[in-house]
Amino acid sequence: MGKLPKRIKIHQLGVQSYADSWALQEDIFDQMVQAKRQNRSLEDAQPIDNHLLFVEHTPVFTLGKSGDLSHLLVSEEELKARGIDFYHSNRGGDITYHGPGQLVGYPLLDLDQFFTDIHKYLRLLEEAIIRTLADYGISASRSPGETGVWLAVGTPFARKICAMGIRASSWVTMHGWALNVNTDLKNFDTIIPCGIQGKGVTSMAQELGKEIPLSEVQSCWLEHFTELFEARIEY
């Protein structure tokens, strides 16, 4: 296909249900995969747009395709009574929570334009989060064998601050990451987050003792993301 421009279109979804944002992702994802297939029969391949969705979800638990339902510690009926949705997702990973005060990013990228390496893709997503947290004076890192971003790895106080789970087909990605910024952490008490026993969950607000505007954190993350992926943003 040759080198295509690394342009990424930003979609600011605001507050939205998981179902609505998932439907939008699926629509964009299907269009991208179809366009790539059509390009194979064209002498001059047409550029395929990349997309990045930012959203703040209404309360929801999602279970990845390889997740264990026993990691949900309450019944689905109880969740409904509490106004929390529940979905079996086609992303990777186990169970996690999304809700107000959390910054969620869903990159839909044609990795043929960047690099065809899922491991590298996940590590760079983690790196963008790690650098963003460092800008706020929060020292974060990876935990060996556990996708996402953590604090105090290797100590009894290890705690997760960012969860990740993706899907990829034909080198097109969907789903992404969720950074706890001002998130109400009590909702994590009803799950075993990401299926990992004995480790806590934290947020930027809890670590810093104050709330931080989501838009500010998003702008900071975008700077690191575009540098790492050598991309340019379009609104």
C-alpha atoms as a PDB file:
ATOM      1  CA  MET A   1       0.000   0.000   0.000  1.00  0.00           C
ATOM      2  CA  GLY A   2       2.931   2.329   0.462  1.00  0.00           C
ATOM      3  CA  LYS A   3       3.255   5.066   3.001  1.00  0.00           C
ATOM      4  CA  LEU A   4       0.022   6.838   3.846  1.00  0.00           C
ATOM      5  CA  PRO A   5      -0.339  10.061   5.857  1.00  0.00           C
ATOM      6  CA  LYS A   6      -0.474   9.512   9.605  1.00  0.00           C
ATOM      7  CA  ARG A   7      -3.491  11.711  10.105  1.00  0.00           C
ATOM      8  CA  ILE A   8      -5.814  11.064  13.030  1.00  0.00           C
ATOM      9  CA  LYS A   9      -9.285  12.588  13.291  1.00  0.00           C
ATOM     10  CA  ILE A  10     -10.413  13.474  16.817  1.00  0.00           C
ATOM     11  CA  HIS A  11     -13.992  12.780  17.929  1.00  0.00           C
ATOM     12  CA  GLN A  12     -15.067  14.451  21.183  1.00  0.00           C
ATOM     13  CA  LEU A  13     -18.054  12.356  22.293  1.00  0.00           C
ATOM     14  CA  GLY A  14     -18.542  13.976  25.697  1.00  0.00           C
ATOM     15  CA  VAL A  15     -20.592  11.899  28.145  1.00  0.00           C
ATOM     16  CA  GLN A  16     -21.968   8.849  26.361  1.00  0.00           C
ATOM     17  CA  SER A  17     -23.141   5.338  27.119  1.00  0.00           C
ATOM     18  CA  TYR A  18     -20.816   2.437  26.403  1.00  0.00           C
ATOM     19  CA  ALA A  19     -23.354   0.977  23.976  1.00  0.00           C
ATOM     20  CA  ASP A  20     -23.440   4.129  21.848  1.00  0.00           C
ATOM     21  CA  SER A  21     -19.680   4.558  21.684  1.00  0.00           C
ATOM     22  CA  TRP A  22     -19.200   0.852  20.952  1.00  0.00           C
ATOM     23  CA  ALA A  23     -21.687   1.077  18.064  1.00  0.00           C
ATOM     24  CA  LEU A  24     -19.803   4.084  16.672  1.00  0.00           C
ATOM     25  CA  GLN A  25     -16.499   2.247  16.986  1.00  0.00           C
ATOM     26  CA  GLU A  26     -17.891  -0.794  15.194  1.00  0.00           C
ATOM     27  CA  ASP A  27     -19.195   1.391  12.365  1.00  0.00           C
ATOM     28  CA  ILE A  28     -15.865   3.197  11.868  1.00  0.00           C
ATOM     29  CA  PHE A  29     -13.916  -0.057  12.285  1.00  0.00           C
ATOM     30  CA  ASP A  30     -15.991  -1.855   9.635  1.00  0.00           C
ATOM     31  CA  GLN A  31     -15.586   1.048   7.206  1.00  0.00           C
ATOM     32  CA  MET A  32     -11.804   1.065   7.693  1.00  0.00           C
ATOM     33  CA  VAL A  33     -11.451  -2.696   7.218  1.00  0.00           C
ATOM     34  CA  GLN A  34     -13.663  -2.596   4.103  1.00  0.00           C
ATOM     35  CA  ALA A  35     -11.646   0.293   2.655  1.00  0.00           C
ATOM     36  CA  LYS A  36      -8.418  -1.645   3.194  1.00  0.00           C
ATOM     37  CA  ARG A  37      -9.855  -4.654   1.379  1.00  0.00           C
ATOM     38  CA  GLN A  38     -10.953  -2.489  -1.532  1.00  0.00           C
ATOM     39  CA  ASN A  39      -7.485  -0.916  -1.695  1.00  0.00           C
ATOM     40  CA  ARG A  40      -5.959  -4.324  -2.435  1.00  0.00           C
ATOM     41  CA  SER A  41      -7.620  -4.317  -5.859  1.00  0.00           C
ATOM     42  CA  LEU A  42      -6.728  -0.702  -6.678  1.00  0.00           C
ATOM     43  CA  GLU A  43      -3.602   0.411  -8.486  1.00  0.00           C
ATOM     44  CA  ASP A  44      -3.592   3.661  -6.517  1.00  0.00           C
ATOM     45  CA  ALA A  45      -4.552   2.933  -2.908  1.00  0.00           C
ATOM     46  CA  GLN A  46      -6.859   5.479  -1.328  1.00  0.00           C
ATOM     47  CA  PRO A  47      -5.782   7.019   2.003  1.00  0.00           C
ATOM     48  CA  ILE A  48      -7.612   5.566   4.984  1.00  0.00           C
ATOM     49  CA  ASP A  49      -8.505   7.932   7.804  1.00  0.00           C
ATOM     50  CA  ASN A  50      -7.470   7.090  11.355  1.00  0.00           C
ATOM     51  CA  HIS A  51      -9.719   8.060  14.249  1.00  0.00           C
ATOM     52  CA  LEU A  52      -9.423   8.727  17.965  1.00  0.00           C
ATOM     53  CA  LEU A  53     -12.556   8.831  20.122  1.00  0.00           C
ATOM     54  CA  PHE A  54     -12.536  10.538  23.521  1.00  0.00           C
ATOM     55  CA  VAL A  55     -15.436   9.773  25.833  1.00  0.00           C
ATOM     56  CA  GLU A  56     -16.549   9.878  29.454  1.00  0.00           C
ATOM     57  CA  HIS A  57     -18.870   6.933  30.003  1.00  0.00           C
ATOM     58  CA  THR A  58     -21.981   6.666  32.103  1.00  0.00           C
ATOM     59  CA  PRO A  59     -21.418   3.939  34.782  1.00  0.00           C
ATOM     60  CA  VAL A  60     -20.747   0.539  33.211  1.00  0.00           C
ATOM     61  CA  PHE A  61     -18.851  -2.688  33.759  1.00  0.00           C
ATOM     62  CA  THR A  62     -17.424  -4.387  30.670  1.00  0.00           C
ATOM     63  CA  LEU A  63     -16.084  -7.923  30.393  1.00  0.00           C
ATOM     64  CA  GLY A  64     -13.507  -8.753  27.734  1.00  0.00           C
ATOM     65  CA  LYS A  65     -13.899 -11.723  25.399  1.00  0.00           C
ATOM     66  CA  SER A  66     -11.533 -13.871  27.486  1.00  0.00           C
ATOM     67  CA  GLY A  67     -12.759 -12.500  30.828  1.00  0.00           C
ATOM     68  CA  ASP A  68     -14.178 -14.471  33.744  1.00  0.00           C
ATOM     69  CA  LEU A  69     -17.721 -13.551  34.788  1.00  0.00           C
ATOM     70  CA  SER A  70     -16.920 -14.652  38.350  1.00  0.00           C
ATOM     71  CA  HIS A  71     -14.805 -11.490  38.616  1.00  0.00           C
ATOM     72  CA  LEU A  72     -18.093  -9.573  38.821  1.00  0.00           C
ATOM     73  CA  LEU A  73     -18.874  -9.825  42.532  1.00  0.00           C
ATOM     74  CA  VAL A  74     -22.530  -8.763  42.392  1.00  0.00           C
ATOM     75  CA  SER A  75     -25.446  -9.909  40.260  1.00  0.00           C
ATOM     76  CA  GLU A  76     -26.412  -8.168  37.041  1.00  0.00           C
ATOM     77  CA  GLU A  77     -29.797  -7.488  38.677  1.00  0.00           C
ATOM     78  CA  GLU A  78     -28.082  -5.596  41.501  1.00  0.00           C
ATOM     79  CA  LEU A  79     -26.116  -3.569  38.968  1.00  0.00           C
ATOM     80  CA  LYS A  80     -29.346  -2.569  37.233  1.00  0.00           C
ATOM     81  CA  ALA A  81     -30.797  -1.491  40.576  1.00  0.00           C
ATOM     82  CA  ARG A  82     -27.738   0.724  41.080  1.00  0.00           C
ATOM     83  CA  GLY A  83     -28.003   2.205  37.580  1.00  0.00           C
ATOM     84  CA  ILE A  84     -24.838   0.518  36.280  1.00  0.00           C
ATOM     85  CA  ASP A  85     -24.829  -1.130  32.848  1.00  0.00           C
ATOM     86  CA  PHE A  86     -23.005  -4.366  32.027  1.00  0.00           C
ATOM     87  CA  TYR A  87     -21.691  -5.538  28.658  1.00  0.00           C
ATOM     88  CA  HIS A  88     -19.766  -8.485  27.271  1.00  0.00           C
ATOM     89  CA  SER A  89     -17.264  -6.725  25.014  1.00  0.00           C
ATOM     90  CA  ASN A  90     -15.205  -8.045  22.100  1.00  0.00           C
ATOM     91  CA  ARG A  91     -12.052  -6.351  23.357  1.00  0.00           C
ATOM     92  CA  GLY A  92      -9.168  -8.152  25.013  1.00  0.00           C
ATOM     93  CA  GLY A  93      -8.684  -8.196  28.771  1.00  0.00           C
ATOM     94  CA  ASP A  94     -10.966  -9.079  31.656  1.00  0.00           C
ATOM     95  CA  ILE A  95     -13.461  -6.959  33.607  1.00  0.00           C
ATOM     96  CA  THR A  96     -13.218  -3.250  34.258  1.00  0.00           C
ATOM     97  CA  TYR A  97     -15.329  -0.252  35.235  1.00  0.00           C
ATOM     98  CA  HIS A  98     -15.997   2.934  33.286  1.00  0.00           C
ATOM     99  CA  GLY A  99     -17.736   5.966  34.700  1.00  0.00           C
ATOM    100  CA  PRO A 100     -17.759   9.712  35.322  1.00  0.00           C
ATOM    101  CA  GLY A 101     -14.387  11.313  35.977  1.00  0.00           C
ATOM    102  CA  GLN A 102     -12.552   8.788  33.824  1.00  0.00           C
ATOM    103  CA  LEU A 103     -10.808   9.698  30.557  1.00  0.00           C
ATOM    104  CA  VAL A 104     -11.372   6.994  27.941  1.00  0.00           C
ATOM    105  CA  GLY A 105      -9.628   6.917  24.580  1.00  0.00           C
ATOM    106  CA  TYR A 106     -10.485   4.638  21.662  1.00  0.00           C
ATOM    107  CA  PRO A 107      -7.896   4.799  18.856  1.00  0.00           C
ATOM    108  CA  LEU A 108      -9.077   3.315  15.559  1.00  0.00           C
ATOM    109  CA  LEU A 109      -5.820   3.158  13.661  1.00  0.00           C
ATOM    110  CA  ASP A 110      -4.686   1.476  10.479  1.00  0.00           C
ATOM    111  CA  LEU A 111      -1.431   0.090  11.830  1.00  0.00           C
ATOM    112  CA  ASP A 112      -0.159  -0.456   8.286  1.00  0.00           C
ATOM    113  CA  GLN A 113       0.443   3.299   8.372  1.00  0.00           C
ATOM    114  CA  PHE A 114       2.416   3.066  11.619  1.00  0.00           C
ATOM    115  CA  PHE A 115       3.866  -0.386  12.384  1.00  0.00           C
ATOM    116  CA  THR A 116       2.422  -3.889  12.286  1.00  0.00           C
ATOM    117  CA  ASP A 117       3.225  -4.897  15.853  1.00  0.00           C
ATOM    118  CA  ILE A 118       0.441  -5.231  18.446  1.00  0.00           C
ATOM    119  CA  HIS A 119       2.920  -5.591  21.309  1.00  0.00           C
ATOM    120  CA  LYS A 120       4.585  -2.303  20.323  1.00  0.00           C
ATOM    121  CA  TYR A 121       1.172  -0.676  19.940  1.00  0.00           C
ATOM    122  CA  LEU A 122       0.159  -1.551  23.512  1.00  0.00           C
ATOM    123  CA  ARG A 123       3.525  -0.511  24.918  1.00  0.00           C
ATOM    124  CA  LEU A 124       3.299   2.904  23.221  1.00  0.00           C
ATOM    125  CA  LEU A 125      -0.236   3.440  24.529  1.00  0.00           C
ATOM    126  CA  GLU A 126       1.102   2.677  28.003  1.00  0.00           C
ATOM    127  CA  GLU A 127       4.053   5.005  27.446  1.00  0.00           C
ATOM    128  CA  ALA A 128       1.773   7.923  26.541  1.00  0.00           C
ATOM    129  CA  ILE A 129      -0.076   7.404  29.844  1.00  0.00           C
ATOM    130  CA  ILE A 130       3.159   7.045  31.830  1.00  0.00           C
ATOM    131  CA  ARG A 131       4.515  10.309  30.390  1.00  0.00           C
ATOM    132  CA  THR A 132       1.226  12.105  31.043  1.00  0.00           C
ATOM    133  CA  LEU A 133       1.226  11.022  34.681  1.00  0.00           C
ATOM    134  CA  ALA A 134       4.863  12.102  35.014  1.00  0.00           C
ATOM    135  CA  ASP A 135       3.821  15.597  33.934  1.00  0.00           C
ATOM    136  CA  TYR A 136       1.648  15.664  37.065  1.00  0.00           C
ATOM    137  CA  GLY A 137       4.397  14.334  39.309  1.00  0.00           C
ATOM    138  CA  ILE A 138       2.979  10.800  39.445  1.00  0.00           C
ATOM    139  CA  SER A 139       5.573   8.054  38.965  1.00  0.00           C
ATOM    140  CA  ALA A 140       3.969   5.200  37.016  1.00  0.00           C
ATOM    141  CA  SER A 141       5.232   2.120  35.202  1.00  0.00           C
ATOM    142  CA  ARG A 142       4.285  -1.179  33.604  1.00  0.00           C
ATOM    143  CA  SER A 143       3.724  -4.347  35.590  1.00  0.00           C
ATOM    144  CA  PRO A 144       5.338  -7.405  33.936  1.00  0.00           C
ATOM    145  CA  GLY A 145       2.709  -9.592  32.299  1.00  0.00           C
ATOM    146  CA  GLU A 146      -0.145  -7.189  33.105  1.00  0.00           C
ATOM    147  CA  THR A 147      -1.277  -4.752  30.415  1.00  0.00           C
ATOM    148  CA  GLY A 148      -2.014  -1.238  31.657  1.00  0.00           C
ATOM    149  CA  VAL A 149      -0.303   1.353  33.844  1.00  0.00           C
ATOM    150  CA  TRP A 150       0.489   0.938  37.524  1.00  0.00           C
ATOM    151  CA  LEU A 151       1.910   2.703  40.568  1.00  0.00           C
ATOM    152  CA  ALA A 152       4.284   1.174  43.137  1.00  0.00           C
ATOM    153  CA  VAL A 153       4.884  -1.964  41.063  1.00  0.00           C
ATOM    154  CA  GLY A 154       6.606  -4.727  43.003  1.00  0.00           C
ATOM    155  CA  THR A 155       5.465  -3.461  46.408  1.00  0.00           C
ATOM    156  CA  PRO A 156       2.517  -4.368  48.655  1.00  0.00           C
ATOM    157  CA  PHE A 157       0.988  -1.026  47.603  1.00  0.00           C
ATOM    158  CA  ALA A 158       0.820  -1.766  43.856  1.00  0.00           C
ATOM    159  CA  ARG A 159      -2.275  -0.154  42.355  1.00  0.00           C
ATOM    160  CA  LYS A 160      -3.630   0.274  38.845  1.00  0.00           C
ATOM    161  CA  ILE A 161      -4.434   3.701  37.439  1.00  0.00           C
ATOM    162  CA  CYS A 162      -5.085   2.886  33.765  1.00  0.00           C
ATOM    163  CA  ALA A 163      -6.711  -0.180  32.197  1.00  0.00           C
ATOM    164  CA  MET A 164      -6.307  -1.242  28.566  1.00  0.00           C
ATOM    165  CA  GLY A 165      -8.037  -3.668  26.246  1.00  0.00           C
ATOM    166  CA  ILE A 166      -8.007  -3.663  22.463  1.00  0.00           C
ATOM    167  CA  ARG A 167      -9.220  -5.554  19.418  1.00  0.00           C
ATOM    168  CA  ALA A 168      -7.436  -5.672  16.063  1.00  0.00           C
ATOM    169  CA  SER A 169      -8.287  -7.143  12.666  1.00  0.00           C
ATOM    170  CA  SER A 170      -6.549  -6.546   9.330  1.00  0.00           C
ATOM    171  CA  TRP A 171      -4.193  -4.352  11.383  1.00  0.00           C
ATOM    172  CA  VAL A 172      -7.065  -1.998  12.285  1.00  0.00           C
ATOM    173  CA  THR A 173      -7.472  -1.333  16.020  1.00  0.00           C
ATOM    174  CA  MET A 174     -10.448  -0.517  18.211  1.00  0.00           C
ATOM    175  CA  HIS A 175     -11.232  -0.176  21.946  1.00  0.00           C
ATOM    176  CA  GLY A 176      -8.365   1.312  23.973  1.00  0.00           C
ATOM    177  CA  TRP A 177      -7.616   2.640  27.441  1.00  0.00           C
ATOM    178  CA  ALA A 178      -9.299   4.173  30.486  1.00  0.00           C
ATOM    179  CA  LEU A 179      -7.376   6.496  32.806  1.00  0.00           C
ATOM    180  CA  ASN A 180      -8.796   7.125  36.270  1.00  0.00           C
ATOM    181  CA  VAL A 181      -8.617  10.889  36.670  1.00  0.00           C
ATOM    182  CA  ASN A 182     -11.415  11.915  39.054  1.00  0.00           C
ATOM    183  CA  THR A 183     -13.121   8.519  39.097  1.00  0.00           C
ATOM    184  CA  ASP A 184     -15.260   7.358  42.038  1.00  0.00           C
ATOM    185  CA  LEU A 185     -13.213   4.292  42.976  1.00  0.00           C
ATOM    186  CA  LYS A 186     -15.829   2.615  45.160  1.00  0.00           C
ATOM    187  CA  ASN A 187     -17.389   0.996  42.097  1.00  0.00           C
ATOM    188  CA  PHE A 188     -14.218  -1.074  41.662  1.00  0.00           C
ATOM    189  CA  ASP A 189     -15.067  -2.792  44.962  1.00  0.00           C
ATOM    190  CA  THR A 190     -17.723  -4.879  43.198  1.00  0.00           C
ATOM    191  CA  ILE A 191     -15.276  -6.455  40.717  1.00  0.00           C
ATOM    192  CA  ILE A 192     -11.837  -8.034  40.632  1.00  0.00           C
ATOM    193  CA  PRO A 193     -10.390  -5.351  38.317  1.00  0.00           C
ATOM    194  CA  CYS A 194      -8.875  -6.885  35.182  1.00  0.00           C
ATOM    195  CA  GLY A 195      -9.096 -10.240  36.962  1.00  0.00           C
ATOM    196  CA  ILE A 196      -6.064  -9.402  39.121  1.00  0.00           C
ATOM    197  CA  GLN A 197      -6.352 -10.407  42.771  1.00  0.00           C
ATOM    198  CA  GLY A 198      -4.769  -8.540  45.653  1.00  0.00           C
ATOM    199  CA  LYS A 199      -3.952  -5.245  43.956  1.00  0.00           C
ATOM    200  CA  GLY A 200      -5.723  -1.936  44.344  1.00  0.00           C
ATOM    201  CA  VAL A 201      -7.013   0.733  42.004  1.00  0.00           C
ATOM    202  CA  THR A 202      -6.254   4.433  42.202  1.00  0.00           C
ATOM    203  CA  SER A 203      -6.878   7.719  40.391  1.00  0.00           C
ATOM    204  CA  MET A 204      -4.977  10.891  39.678  1.00  0.00           C
ATOM    205  CA  ALA A 205      -7.260  12.765  42.079  1.00  0.00           C
ATOM    206  CA  GLN A 206      -6.570  10.297  44.865  1.00  0.00           C
ATOM    207  CA  GLU A 207      -2.825  10.479  44.335  1.00  0.00           C
ATOM    208  CA  LEU A 208      -2.720  14.283  44.102  1.00  0.00           C
ATOM    209  CA  GLY A 209      -5.421  15.130  46.624  1.00  0.00           C
ATOM    210  CA  LYS A 210      -7.319  17.277  44.135  1.00  0.00           C
ATOM    211  CA  GLU A 211      -9.427  16.979  40.985  1.00  0.00           C
ATOM    212  CA  ILE A 212      -7.926  17.705  37.575  1.00  0.00           C
ATOM    213  CA  PRO A 213      -9.921  18.831  34.513  1.00  0.00           C
ATOM    214  CA  LEU A 214     -10.332  15.959  32.072  1.00  0.00           C
ATOM    215  CA  SER A 215      -9.748  18.307  29.128  1.00  0.00           C
ATOM    216  CA  GLU A 216      -6.367  19.272  30.574  1.00  0.00           C
ATOM    217  CA  VAL A 217      -5.283  15.650  30.985  1.00  0.00           C
ATOM    218  CA  GLN A 218      -6.527  14.853  27.476  1.00  0.00           C
ATOM    219  CA  SER A 219      -4.461  17.658  25.939  1.00  0.00           C
ATOM    220  CA  CYS A 220      -1.391  16.488  27.808  1.00  0.00           C
ATOM    221  CA  TRP A 221      -1.900  12.886  26.677  1.00  0.00           C
ATOM    222  CA  LEU A 222      -2.399  13.963  23.061  1.00  0.00           C
ATOM    223  CA  GLU A 223       0.987  15.672  23.020  1.00  0.00           C
ATOM    224  CA  HIS A 224       2.737  12.487  24.058  1.00  0.00           C
ATOM    225  CA  PHE A 225       0.601  10.270  21.830  1.00  0.00           C
ATOM    226  CA  THR A 226       1.241  12.278  18.658  1.00  0.00           C
ATOM    227  CA  GLU A 227       4.971  12.357  19.392  1.00  0.00           C
ATOM    228  CA  LEU A 228       5.184   8.604  20.010  1.00  0.00           C
ATOM    229  CA  PHE A 229       3.068   7.683  16.985  1.00  0.00           C
ATOM    230  CA  GLU A 230       4.508  10.420  14.737  1.00  0.00           C
ATOM    231  CA  ALA A 231       0.999  11.538  13.888  1.00  0.00           C
ATOM    232  CA  ARG A 232      -0.850  14.759  13.319  1.00  0.00           C
ATOM    233  CA  ILE A 233      -4.284  15.539  14.712  1.00  0.00           C
ATOM    234  CA  GLU A 234      -7.290  16.840  12.819  1.00  0.00           C
ATOM    235  CA  TYR A 235     -10.490  18.147  14.389  1.00  0.00           C
END
